[in-house]
Amino acid sequence: MIKKNPFISLINTLISIACTSMRSLLLGLAVPSAAVAVPITYISDEVGFNNITSRIQVDTQDDNWRNGAINFGATNFTQNLITAGTTESISATAYSLMTAASGISVNVSLRNLTDAELALPHSTGTAATGNSRLDSSSTLQSSAPRPASLYNTNAQPRFWNEGSGSSSSRNAILFTFSEPVVAFGAWFGDLETRTDENGTPAILRLLDAEGKRIGDDIIIPTSTLDQSNCGSNFRGCGNSTTRWIGFLDPEAEVKQMLVIVGDDDFGDFGYREHLSFIGATLAEKFANLILVKRITAINGIELTEYVDDLNSSEDNDKYWPVPIDAQSGISTYLRGVINGGLVVPGDELEYTIYFLVNGSRGITNLSLCDLIPEYSTFMQTAFNGLAPIDSGGLPGTDLGIALALDNSTLPKQPTVYLTNADDQDRGQFFPAGTIVSATCSANNDHGAVVVDVVTSPEVLPQATAPGVPTNSYGFIRFRVKVN
C-alpha cells in the first residue's frame, strides 16, 4: 500500500513568493505594486520672510512628499540645480530643465491661459512669449524665501523666474516629462492664490500621455483662515511666500504638470501675476517586478482553474494579459491552483512562476530562484525531447526547466527549454547543498532552480497596458516528483 504523506498536501508547499527572489533590477529594488486611481498631491503651507528661520522651515516643506515617495518605493531622487551665475534670459517655450540618470528629461515652458482655455479640462493654454529667465537673487520672486539648502551668499544656484506675460490671461508653468513619472515637485515662490471668491485661486493640473487631465483640478489653498487680509503685502495668500507643490502617482500616468498662478487681490483675475520655482525634484521608482506562483499540472494533467490568492494583490494587477476570468477575477494567463490537495509518493507536480514588469522602468540582469520543496525531487528530464533548446545549452544535456518569453505574441506555452547544467544557456539546477548563483529566500536544502531571465544589455520592458508589450511578462516552469 502506498502511504499518503500529508506534509506535502500542497497546503504546505504554498508557493509563497518568498520562494522566488530577484538578483538584480535595473537601478532599483522591487516593491509591492499598488493601485491608486488619482495621484496624491502634496501642497505645503506657506513660509514668508527672508531670514534663517524661514529658510530652514522652507527646507522641510518637501519632507512629506519625499517620505511618501520613499514609502511607495522610490529609490532615486534627482534635484535640478541651476548653476550659479548672473541673470540669464532663456526660452519661454522650451527650457530643458533636467535629465535624470535614467534618461527621463523634464522640460519647462511658460504658458498663457484664458478663462475659456482654463474651462477646458485638458487644456494647457498656449505658449507664452514672455520673459523667462534664470535669476540669482537671494530670494525667489517678490522676496519669497529660498530653502536653506539652496541658499548661499557666494555661489547659490539660480532659479526659474518670469516677470512678464499676457495682460489678458493667466500665466502658468508647464512641466513636461519625456515619459510618465511617479513623483515630481518643486518649491514655488510668490504663487498667489485666493479661494473665497473675492480673488482667484491658483490651480494644479495633472495630465497623462494623451494630454487628458487626470482627476479634477486641484485648488491651491491659502495658509490663512481670514482671507479678507489677502492682498497688498499680506503673507498667507501666496504673495511673497514659498511653498512645495508636488505629486505622487503609483500608476506612473502623469506626463505633464501645470501650475497656474492665481491672484490674492480683491476682485482681480491673475492677469498681472507671475511665479517662480527652484529645486525641482524627480523621484523614480524604477523597476518593479511582481511574481505569481501556481501548481499547473499533476501527473501530466493540466490544471485549468484560475484561483485568486486572497492574501496577495499581485495576481490582481491590471497589467496581466486579458481576458479576465469572470469567476475568480484574475487574468486567464495565470492558470493553476494554490492548493492541489493531498499527493502521494510518485506523484509528479508542475510548478509555474509567472512574472510581470509593472513599474515605471524596464528590468535587466534579472535572475529568478525557486527552491525545490521538501519531500520532493527535481525532475531533471521533464522536458527532454522538446524544442527549441535555449542558445548556449550543451547538446544532449537533460532539460528540466522551461521559459516562456516572447516579444511578439502572448506565450501561453514555453517558448524555450533550458538545460540543468552549468553551461551558457539561461537556466541551471543546483543540487541540494551546493552554492547557488542567485540569491534565494532560504538555504539550498533540497535543490534550487535558477533562471537568468534577462541579462544586460537586454531589458524586459515595463507593461504599459494589459499584456502590452508581450515581453513584459512570462513564466518559468519545472517539475518535481513526490518522494
Protein backbone atom coordinates (compact mmCIF):
# COMPACT_ATOMS: atom_id res chain seq x y z
CA MET A 1 0.00 0.00 0.00
CA ILE A 2 1.23 3.46 -0.82
CA LYS A 3 1.23 5.63 2.26
CA LYS A 4 -0.07 9.16 1.86
CA ASN A 5 2.24 11.89 3.01
CA PRO A 6 0.07 14.70 4.40
CA PHE A 7 3.01 17.09 4.77
CA ILE A 8 3.11 17.60 1.06
CA SER A 9 -0.59 18.19 0.72
CA LEU A 10 0.30 21.29 -1.29
CA ILE A 11 -1.09 23.36 1.51
CA ASN A 12 2.43 23.08 2.82
CA THR A 13 4.17 23.72 -0.48
CA LEU A 14 2.37 27.01 -0.91
CA ILE A 15 4.21 28.66 -3.02
CA SER A 16 4.75 31.86 -1.26
CA ILE A 17 6.57 34.44 -3.27
CA ALA A 18 9.29 34.12 -0.66
CA CYS A 19 10.32 31.06 -2.64
CA THR A 20 11.18 33.27 -5.58
CA SER A 21 13.69 36.09 -5.41
CA MET A 22 15.44 38.56 -7.66
CA ARG A 23 19.14 39.04 -8.04
CA SER A 24 19.33 42.36 -9.81
CA LEU A 25 16.94 45.02 -11.00
CA LEU A 26 17.76 47.97 -13.20
CA LEU A 27 18.69 50.86 -10.95
CA GLY A 28 16.39 49.88 -8.11
CA LEU A 29 14.57 47.36 -5.96
CA ALA A 30 11.23 45.70 -6.47
CA VAL A 31 8.43 46.75 -4.14
CA PRO A 32 4.81 45.67 -3.85
CA SER A 33 2.61 47.09 -6.54
CA ALA A 34 -0.21 49.45 -5.70
CA ALA A 35 -3.33 50.65 -7.41
CA VAL A 36 -4.19 54.30 -6.99
CA ALA A 37 -6.67 55.84 -9.39
CA VAL A 38 -5.78 59.50 -8.83
CA PRO A 39 -2.31 60.85 -7.98
CA ILE A 40 -1.66 62.02 -4.44
CA THR A 41 -0.85 65.74 -4.31
CA TYR A 42 1.41 67.41 -1.78
CA ILE A 43 0.90 71.13 -1.17
CA SER A 44 2.73 72.53 1.83
CA ASP A 45 1.83 75.53 3.95
CA GLU A 46 3.40 78.83 3.01
CA VAL A 47 6.52 80.32 4.55
CA GLY A 48 7.35 84.01 4.24
CA PHE A 49 10.12 86.44 5.19
CA ASN A 50 13.74 86.05 4.21
CA ASN A 51 15.63 85.02 7.32
CA ILE A 52 17.49 81.97 8.60
CA THR A 53 14.48 80.56 10.43
CA SER A 54 12.24 80.88 7.39
CA ARG A 55 14.77 79.31 5.04
CA ILE A 56 15.22 76.35 7.37
CA GLN A 57 11.46 75.94 7.52
CA VAL A 58 11.18 76.08 3.73
CA ASP A 59 13.74 73.29 3.54
CA THR A 60 11.33 70.96 5.35
CA GLN A 61 8.36 71.64 3.08
CA ASP A 62 9.15 68.71 0.79
CA ASP A 63 9.60 66.19 3.62
CA ASN A 64 6.10 64.70 3.41
CA TRP A 65 6.40 64.34 -0.35
CA ARG A 66 9.80 62.65 -0.08
CA ASN A 67 8.64 60.30 2.65
CA GLY A 68 5.57 59.39 0.63
CA ALA A 69 7.70 58.62 -2.41
CA ILE A 70 10.12 56.54 -0.34
CA ASN A 71 7.31 54.60 1.31
CA PHE A 72 5.93 53.81 -2.11
CA GLY A 73 9.30 52.54 -3.31
CA ALA A 74 11.11 55.47 -4.93
CA THR A 75 14.80 54.65 -4.97
CA ASN A 76 16.35 57.69 -6.61
CA PHE A 77 15.81 61.44 -6.34
CA THR A 78 17.21 63.83 -8.94
CA GLN A 79 17.11 67.50 -7.99
CA ASN A 80 17.58 70.27 -10.51
CA LEU A 81 20.35 72.66 -9.52
CA ILE A 82 20.83 75.51 -11.98
CA THR A 83 24.45 76.57 -11.74
CA ALA A 84 25.34 79.87 -10.13
CA GLY A 85 25.73 82.87 -12.37
CA THR A 86 24.16 86.12 -13.43
CA THR A 87 20.64 86.74 -14.67
CA GLU A 88 20.13 84.98 -18.00
CA SER A 89 17.21 85.10 -20.42
CA ILE A 90 16.02 81.67 -21.54
CA SER A 91 13.42 80.27 -23.89
CA ALA A 92 9.91 80.77 -22.60
CA THR A 93 8.53 78.00 -24.77
CA ALA A 94 11.01 75.16 -24.22
CA TYR A 95 13.66 75.18 -21.50
CA SER A 96 15.47 71.90 -20.80
CA LEU A 97 15.39 71.77 -17.02
CA MET A 98 16.97 68.42 -16.14
CA THR A 99 17.74 64.87 -17.24
CA ALA A 100 17.91 62.07 -14.67
CA ALA A 101 20.43 59.25 -14.84
CA SER A 102 17.62 57.00 -16.04
CA GLY A 103 17.23 59.18 -19.13
CA ILE A 104 13.95 60.83 -18.13
CA SER A 105 14.07 64.52 -19.03
CA VAL A 106 11.98 67.46 -17.83
CA ASN A 107 11.22 70.50 -19.97
CA VAL A 108 9.60 73.74 -18.81
CA SER A 109 7.50 76.23 -20.73
CA LEU A 110 5.70 79.42 -19.78
CA ARG A 111 2.01 79.26 -20.72
CA ASN A 112 -0.89 81.68 -21.04
CA LEU A 113 -4.40 80.51 -20.18
CA THR A 114 -7.51 82.49 -20.99
CA ASP A 115 -10.66 81.84 -19.00
CA ALA A 116 -12.02 79.88 -21.95
CA GLU A 117 -8.89 77.70 -22.12
CA LEU A 118 -8.94 77.15 -18.37
CA ALA A 119 -12.51 75.87 -18.64
CA LEU A 120 -11.32 73.10 -20.97
CA PRO A 121 -10.26 70.21 -18.71
CA HIS A 122 -7.44 69.02 -20.96
CA SER A 123 -6.02 72.41 -21.93
CA THR A 124 -2.54 73.67 -21.11
CA GLY A 125 -3.17 77.02 -22.77
CA THR A 126 -0.84 78.47 -25.35
CA ALA A 127 2.90 79.05 -25.34
CA ALA A 128 3.74 82.46 -23.89
CA THR A 129 6.12 84.95 -25.41
CA GLY A 130 7.02 86.49 -22.06
CA ASN A 131 10.41 86.90 -20.47
CA SER A 132 11.55 83.72 -18.75
CA ARG A 133 14.93 83.92 -17.08
CA LEU A 134 17.32 82.38 -14.60
CA ASP A 135 17.80 84.65 -11.59
CA SER A 136 20.45 84.59 -8.89
CA SER A 137 18.95 86.83 -6.21
CA SER A 138 18.95 85.73 -2.58
CA THR A 139 15.17 85.24 -2.65
CA LEU A 140 12.70 83.88 -5.13
CA GLN A 141 10.23 86.22 -6.80
CA SER A 142 8.87 89.03 -4.61
CA SER A 143 11.12 88.21 -1.62
CA ALA A 144 9.81 84.65 -1.22
CA PRO A 145 12.47 82.78 0.79
CA ARG A 146 14.72 80.12 -0.69
CA PRO A 147 15.15 76.75 1.04
CA ALA A 148 18.24 76.86 3.25
CA SER A 149 19.88 74.07 1.24
CA LEU A 150 19.71 76.24 -1.89
CA TYR A 151 20.86 79.46 -0.24
CA ASN A 152 24.48 80.56 -0.41
CA THR A 153 25.56 84.17 -0.47
CA ASN A 154 28.65 83.30 -2.51
CA ALA A 155 27.57 80.70 -5.06
CA GLN A 156 23.91 79.79 -4.83
CA PRO A 157 22.01 78.03 -7.61
CA ARG A 158 19.81 80.19 -9.79
CA PHE A 159 16.05 79.77 -10.07
CA TRP A 160 13.49 79.86 -12.88
CA ASN A 161 11.60 83.15 -12.93
CA GLU A 162 9.24 85.10 -15.14
CA GLY A 163 8.21 88.71 -14.93
CA SER A 164 6.03 89.34 -17.94
CA GLY A 165 3.30 87.72 -19.94
CA SER A 166 -0.15 88.35 -21.25
CA SER A 167 -2.25 91.05 -19.57
CA SER A 168 -5.45 89.28 -20.61
CA SER A 169 -4.78 85.73 -19.44
CA ARG A 170 -3.17 83.89 -16.55
CA ASN A 171 0.43 82.74 -16.51
CA ALA A 172 1.32 79.12 -15.80
CA ILE A 173 4.33 76.83 -15.73
CA LEU A 174 4.07 73.59 -17.68
CA PHE A 175 6.45 70.76 -16.74
CA THR A 176 6.61 68.10 -19.45
CA PHE A 177 8.27 64.73 -18.79
CA SER A 178 9.80 62.64 -21.57
CA GLU A 179 7.76 59.74 -20.21
CA PRO A 180 5.17 59.41 -17.43
CA VAL A 181 6.67 59.61 -13.95
CA VAL A 182 5.70 58.53 -10.46
CA ALA A 183 6.69 61.60 -8.43
CA PHE A 184 7.76 65.20 -9.03
CA GLY A 185 7.68 68.51 -7.19
CA ALA A 186 9.34 71.89 -6.67
CA TRP A 187 9.39 74.95 -4.42
CA PHE A 188 7.27 77.76 -5.85
CA GLY A 189 7.81 81.39 -4.91
CA ASP A 190 5.12 84.09 -4.97
CA LEU A 191 2.36 81.76 -6.18
CA GLU A 192 -0.63 83.94 -5.32
CA THR A 193 -3.98 82.31 -4.57
CA ARG A 194 -7.33 83.20 -3.05
CA THR A 195 -10.26 80.83 -2.62
CA ASP A 196 -13.04 82.96 -1.06
CA GLU A 197 -14.41 84.06 -4.46
CA ASN A 198 -13.02 87.55 -3.91
CA GLY A 199 -9.82 86.83 -5.81
CA THR A 200 -8.55 84.00 -7.99
CA PRO A 201 -7.26 80.60 -6.82
CA ALA A 202 -4.03 79.10 -8.12
CA ILE A 203 -4.52 75.69 -9.72
CA LEU A 204 -2.57 72.45 -10.11
CA ARG A 205 -3.48 70.35 -13.16
CA LEU A 206 -2.02 66.91 -13.99
CA LEU A 207 -2.25 65.36 -17.46
CA ASP A 208 -1.49 61.93 -18.90
CA ALA A 209 0.41 60.87 -22.01
CA GLU A 210 -2.65 61.54 -24.18
CA GLY A 211 -2.95 65.08 -22.88
CA LYS A 212 -6.03 64.26 -20.82
CA ARG A 213 -6.49 65.69 -17.35
CA ILE A 214 -6.11 63.16 -14.55
CA GLY A 215 -8.82 63.69 -11.95
CA ASP A 216 -10.01 67.20 -11.15
CA ASP A 217 -8.05 70.43 -10.99
CA ILE A 218 -6.54 70.94 -7.54
CA ILE A 219 -7.16 74.33 -5.95
CA ILE A 220 -4.06 75.67 -4.19
CA PRO A 221 -5.28 76.78 -0.73
CA THR A 222 -4.22 79.80 1.26
CA SER A 223 -2.46 79.50 4.59
CA THR A 224 -4.76 81.97 6.32
CA LEU A 225 -8.24 81.44 7.71
CA ASP A 226 -9.27 85.07 7.21
CA GLN A 227 -8.85 85.81 3.52
CA SER A 228 -10.08 89.36 3.96
CA ASN A 229 -6.44 90.03 4.86
CA CYS A 230 -5.28 88.92 1.42
CA GLY A 231 -3.78 91.48 -0.91
CA SER A 232 -1.11 94.15 -0.64
CA ASN A 233 1.86 92.89 1.41
CA PHE A 234 -0.01 90.30 3.49
CA ARG A 235 1.71 86.90 3.60
CA GLY A 236 -0.63 83.93 3.68
CA CYS A 237 -2.27 84.05 0.25
CA GLY A 238 0.80 83.18 -1.80
CA ASN A 239 2.17 86.69 -2.04
CA SER A 240 5.91 86.79 -1.14
CA THR A 241 5.81 83.25 0.27
CA THR A 242 7.28 79.88 -0.71
CA ARG A 243 5.59 76.50 -0.72
CA TRP A 244 6.27 72.99 -2.03
CA ILE A 245 3.92 71.55 -4.64
CA GLY A 246 4.28 68.02 -5.96
CA PHE A 247 2.54 64.74 -6.69
CA LEU A 248 2.97 61.01 -6.16
CA ASP A 249 1.44 58.74 -8.79
CA PRO A 250 1.91 54.99 -8.16
CA GLU A 251 0.36 54.28 -11.57
CA ALA A 252 3.03 56.43 -13.30
CA GLU A 253 0.50 58.12 -15.54
CA VAL A 254 1.48 61.79 -15.18
CA LYS A 255 3.17 63.17 -18.30
CA GLN A 256 2.65 66.89 -17.58
CA MET A 257 2.20 69.09 -14.51
CA LEU A 258 0.67 72.54 -14.96
CA VAL A 259 0.82 75.16 -12.18
CA ILE A 260 -1.43 78.17 -12.83
CA VAL A 261 -0.97 81.39 -10.88
CA GLY A 262 -3.91 82.99 -9.06
CA ASP A 263 -4.43 86.44 -7.54
CA ASP A 264 -4.73 87.46 -3.89
CA ASP A 265 -6.00 90.97 -4.63
CA PHE A 266 -9.70 91.67 -4.18
CA GLY A 267 -11.60 91.31 -7.44
CA ASP A 268 -8.53 90.57 -9.59
CA PHE A 269 -8.13 87.68 -12.01
CA GLY A 270 -4.42 86.86 -12.03
CA TYR A 271 -3.70 88.51 -15.37
CA ARG A 272 -0.83 90.53 -13.92
CA GLU A 273 0.63 87.92 -11.59
CA HIS A 274 3.77 85.86 -12.08
CA LEU A 275 5.55 82.94 -10.44
CA SER A 276 8.93 81.30 -9.90
CA PHE A 277 10.34 77.95 -8.78
CA ILE A 278 13.54 76.30 -7.57
CA GLY A 279 14.76 72.81 -6.64
CA ALA A 280 12.54 70.80 -8.98
CA THR A 281 12.94 67.15 -7.98
CA LEU A 282 12.11 63.94 -9.80
CA ALA A 283 11.63 60.76 -7.76
CA GLU A 284 11.78 57.46 -9.61
CA LYS A 285 10.56 54.07 -8.56
CA PHE A 286 12.46 52.45 -11.39
CA ALA A 287 11.73 48.77 -11.83
CA ASN A 288 9.03 46.73 -10.19
CA LEU A 289 8.56 43.01 -10.69
CA ILE A 290 5.62 41.01 -9.41
CA LEU A 291 5.55 37.22 -9.15
CA VAL A 292 2.69 34.73 -9.00
CA LYS A 293 3.31 31.03 -8.40
CA ARG A 294 0.87 28.22 -9.18
CA ILE A 295 0.67 24.42 -9.47
CA THR A 296 -0.21 23.94 -13.13
CA ALA A 297 -0.23 20.15 -13.56
CA ILE A 298 -0.36 16.95 -11.51
CA ASN A 299 0.80 13.70 -13.10
CA GLY A 300 0.81 15.33 -16.51
CA ILE A 301 -2.79 16.55 -16.30
CA GLU A 302 -3.05 20.31 -16.72
CA LEU A 303 -4.96 22.20 -14.03
CA THR A 304 -7.20 24.67 -15.82
CA GLU A 305 -8.58 26.55 -12.82
CA TYR A 306 -7.93 30.21 -12.11
CA VAL A 307 -7.55 30.92 -8.41
CA ASP A 308 -7.35 34.37 -6.82
CA ASP A 309 -4.91 34.44 -3.90
CA LEU A 310 -6.82 36.40 -1.28
CA ASN A 311 -3.59 37.06 0.64
CA SER A 312 -1.90 38.84 -2.26
CA SER A 313 -2.81 41.58 -4.72
CA GLU A 314 -0.14 40.60 -7.22
CA ASP A 315 -2.41 38.29 -9.22
CA ASN A 316 -4.91 41.18 -9.49
CA ASP A 317 -2.54 43.63 -11.16
CA LYS A 318 -4.22 45.43 -14.04
CA TYR A 319 -1.32 44.76 -16.44
CA TRP A 320 -1.67 40.98 -16.59
CA PRO A 321 -2.94 39.93 -20.04
CA VAL A 322 -6.65 39.85 -20.76
CA PRO A 323 -9.17 38.26 -20.79
CA ILE A 324 -10.15 38.14 -17.13
CA ASP A 325 -11.77 35.04 -15.69
CA ALA A 326 -15.29 36.03 -14.64
CA GLN A 327 -15.40 33.78 -11.59
CA SER A 328 -12.01 34.46 -10.00
CA GLY A 329 -11.50 37.98 -11.33
CA ILE A 330 -7.89 37.32 -12.37
CA SER A 331 -6.19 37.01 -15.73
CA THR A 332 -6.70 33.75 -17.58
CA TYR A 333 -2.96 33.84 -18.20
CA LEU A 334 -2.47 32.84 -14.55
CA ARG A 335 -3.59 29.25 -14.95
CA GLY A 336 -3.18 26.90 -11.99
CA VAL A 337 -4.08 26.35 -8.36
CA ILE A 338 -2.64 27.25 -4.99
CA ASN A 339 -3.80 24.15 -3.12
CA GLY A 340 -3.72 20.96 -5.16
CA GLY A 341 -4.90 18.67 -2.36
CA LEU A 342 -3.15 15.58 -0.98
CA VAL A 343 -0.50 13.85 -3.04
CA VAL A 344 1.25 10.51 -2.69
CA PRO A 345 4.81 9.36 -3.33
CA GLY A 346 5.50 9.12 -7.02
CA ASP A 347 3.12 11.94 -7.97
CA GLU A 348 4.56 14.48 -10.38
CA LEU A 349 3.86 18.16 -9.78
CA GLU A 350 4.45 21.02 -12.19
CA TYR A 351 5.21 24.48 -10.79
CA THR A 352 4.90 27.69 -12.80
CA ILE A 353 6.19 31.08 -11.66
CA TYR A 354 4.61 33.92 -13.62
CA PHE A 355 6.40 37.26 -13.73
CA LEU A 356 5.32 40.75 -14.80
CA VAL A 357 7.26 44.03 -15.03
CA ASN A 358 4.76 46.66 -13.90
CA GLY A 359 6.99 49.50 -12.72
CA SER A 360 7.96 52.75 -14.38
CA ARG A 361 11.16 51.32 -15.87
CA GLY A 362 12.29 48.12 -17.51
CA ILE A 363 14.42 45.48 -15.80
CA THR A 364 17.76 43.96 -16.70
CA ASN A 365 20.11 41.42 -15.06
CA LEU A 366 17.13 39.57 -13.61
CA SER A 367 17.52 36.08 -12.15
CA LEU A 368 14.74 34.09 -10.52
CA CYS A 369 15.48 31.40 -7.94
CA ASP A 370 12.95 28.84 -6.75
CA LEU A 371 13.75 26.21 -4.13
CA ILE A 372 12.66 22.60 -4.52
CA PRO A 373 10.08 21.80 -1.80
CA GLU A 374 10.87 19.35 0.98
CA TYR A 375 9.93 15.71 0.34
CA SER A 376 10.25 16.11 -3.40
CA THR A 377 12.91 15.64 -6.09
CA PHE A 378 13.60 17.81 -9.11
CA MET A 379 12.74 16.01 -12.37
CA GLN A 380 15.85 16.56 -14.45
CA THR A 381 14.42 15.05 -17.67
CA ALA A 382 10.98 16.70 -17.51
CA PHE A 383 11.29 18.39 -20.91
CA ASN A 384 13.69 16.10 -22.75
CA GLY A 385 12.90 15.82 -26.43
CA LEU A 386 11.16 19.20 -26.61
CA ALA A 387 12.36 22.16 -28.67
CA PRO A 388 13.66 24.75 -29.11
CA ILE A 389 16.60 24.49 -26.75
CA ASP A 390 17.97 27.74 -25.37
CA SER A 391 21.10 29.11 -27.01
CA GLY A 392 24.22 28.05 -25.15
CA GLY A 393 22.84 24.78 -23.83
CA LEU A 394 25.13 21.76 -24.13
CA PRO A 395 23.84 19.26 -26.73
CA GLY A 396 22.47 16.06 -25.23
CA THR A 397 22.09 17.59 -21.76
CA ASP A 398 18.91 16.95 -19.78
CA LEU A 399 16.21 19.62 -20.00
CA GLY A 400 14.45 20.23 -16.70
CA ILE A 401 13.49 23.90 -16.97
CA ALA A 402 11.14 25.80 -19.30
CA LEU A 403 10.86 29.52 -20.00
CA ALA A 404 8.05 31.44 -21.70
CA LEU A 405 9.07 34.85 -23.00
CA ASP A 406 8.19 36.33 -26.38
CA ASN A 407 8.40 39.83 -27.85
CA SER A 408 5.62 39.38 -30.39
CA THR A 409 2.91 37.02 -29.11
CA LEU A 410 1.37 36.06 -25.78
CA PRO A 411 3.33 33.00 -24.57
CA LYS A 412 0.86 30.52 -23.07
CA GLN A 413 3.31 27.66 -23.55
CA PRO A 414 7.09 27.60 -23.01
CA THR A 415 9.00 29.27 -25.81
CA VAL A 416 12.36 27.69 -24.98
CA TYR A 417 13.74 24.82 -22.88
CA LEU A 418 16.78 25.11 -20.62
CA THR A 419 19.38 22.62 -19.52
CA ASN A 420 20.13 21.82 -15.90
CA ALA A 421 23.87 22.11 -16.47
CA ASP A 422 26.32 24.90 -15.74
CA ASP A 423 26.66 25.88 -19.39
CA GLN A 424 25.91 29.04 -21.37
CA ASP A 425 22.11 28.97 -21.51
CA ARG A 426 19.81 30.84 -19.12
CA GLY A 427 18.93 28.00 -16.75
CA GLN A 428 20.66 25.84 -14.16
CA PHE A 429 19.67 23.35 -11.49
CA PHE A 430 21.72 23.41 -8.27
CA PRO A 431 21.66 20.13 -6.30
CA ALA A 432 20.94 20.28 -2.58
CA GLY A 433 23.77 21.75 -0.54
CA THR A 434 25.56 23.46 -3.42
CA ILE A 435 26.18 27.18 -3.67
CA VAL A 436 23.53 28.91 -5.78
CA SER A 437 24.45 31.63 -8.27
CA ALA A 438 21.45 33.80 -7.33
CA THR A 439 20.06 34.99 -4.03
CA CYS A 440 17.37 32.59 -2.83
CA SER A 441 14.95 33.02 0.05
CA ALA A 442 16.42 30.19 2.16
CA ASN A 443 19.20 27.61 2.23
CA ASN A 444 19.51 25.21 -0.67
CA ASP A 445 18.48 22.12 1.28
CA HIS A 446 16.63 20.24 -1.47
CA GLY A 447 17.83 21.79 -4.71
CA ALA A 448 17.24 25.09 -6.50
CA VAL A 449 16.18 26.18 -9.97
CA VAL A 450 17.73 29.41 -11.26
CA VAL A 451 16.80 31.17 -14.49
CA ASP A 452 18.64 34.23 -15.75
CA VAL A 453 15.59 35.71 -17.44
CA VAL A 454 17.38 38.71 -18.91
CA THR A 455 20.97 39.95 -18.91
CA SER A 456 22.32 43.38 -19.80
CA PRO A 457 22.23 44.98 -22.31
CA GLU A 458 18.85 43.36 -22.96
CA VAL A 459 15.92 44.78 -20.99
CA LEU A 460 12.49 43.47 -20.09
CA PRO A 461 10.23 46.47 -20.72
CA GLN A 462 7.58 47.59 -18.29
CA ALA A 463 3.95 46.89 -19.10
CA THR A 464 2.06 49.88 -20.46
CA ALA A 465 -1.35 48.20 -20.85
CA PRO A 466 -2.77 44.74 -20.10
CA GLY A 467 -0.45 42.29 -21.85
CA VAL A 468 1.45 45.07 -23.65
CA PRO A 469 4.21 44.63 -24.62
CA THR A 470 4.21 40.85 -24.71
CA ASN A 471 7.75 40.57 -23.33
CA SER A 472 6.85 42.47 -20.17
CA TYR A 473 5.61 39.19 -18.70
CA GLY A 474 6.20 35.44 -18.96
CA PHE A 475 6.87 32.42 -16.76
CA ILE A 476 9.38 29.77 -15.76
CA ARG A 477 8.35 26.16 -15.19
CA PHE A 478 9.77 22.94 -13.71
CA ARG A 479 8.52 19.64 -12.31
CA VAL A 480 9.17 17.60 -9.17
CA LYS A 481 8.34 14.06 -8.05
CA VAL A 482 7.00 13.42 -4.56
CA ASN A 483 9.39 11.26 -2.51
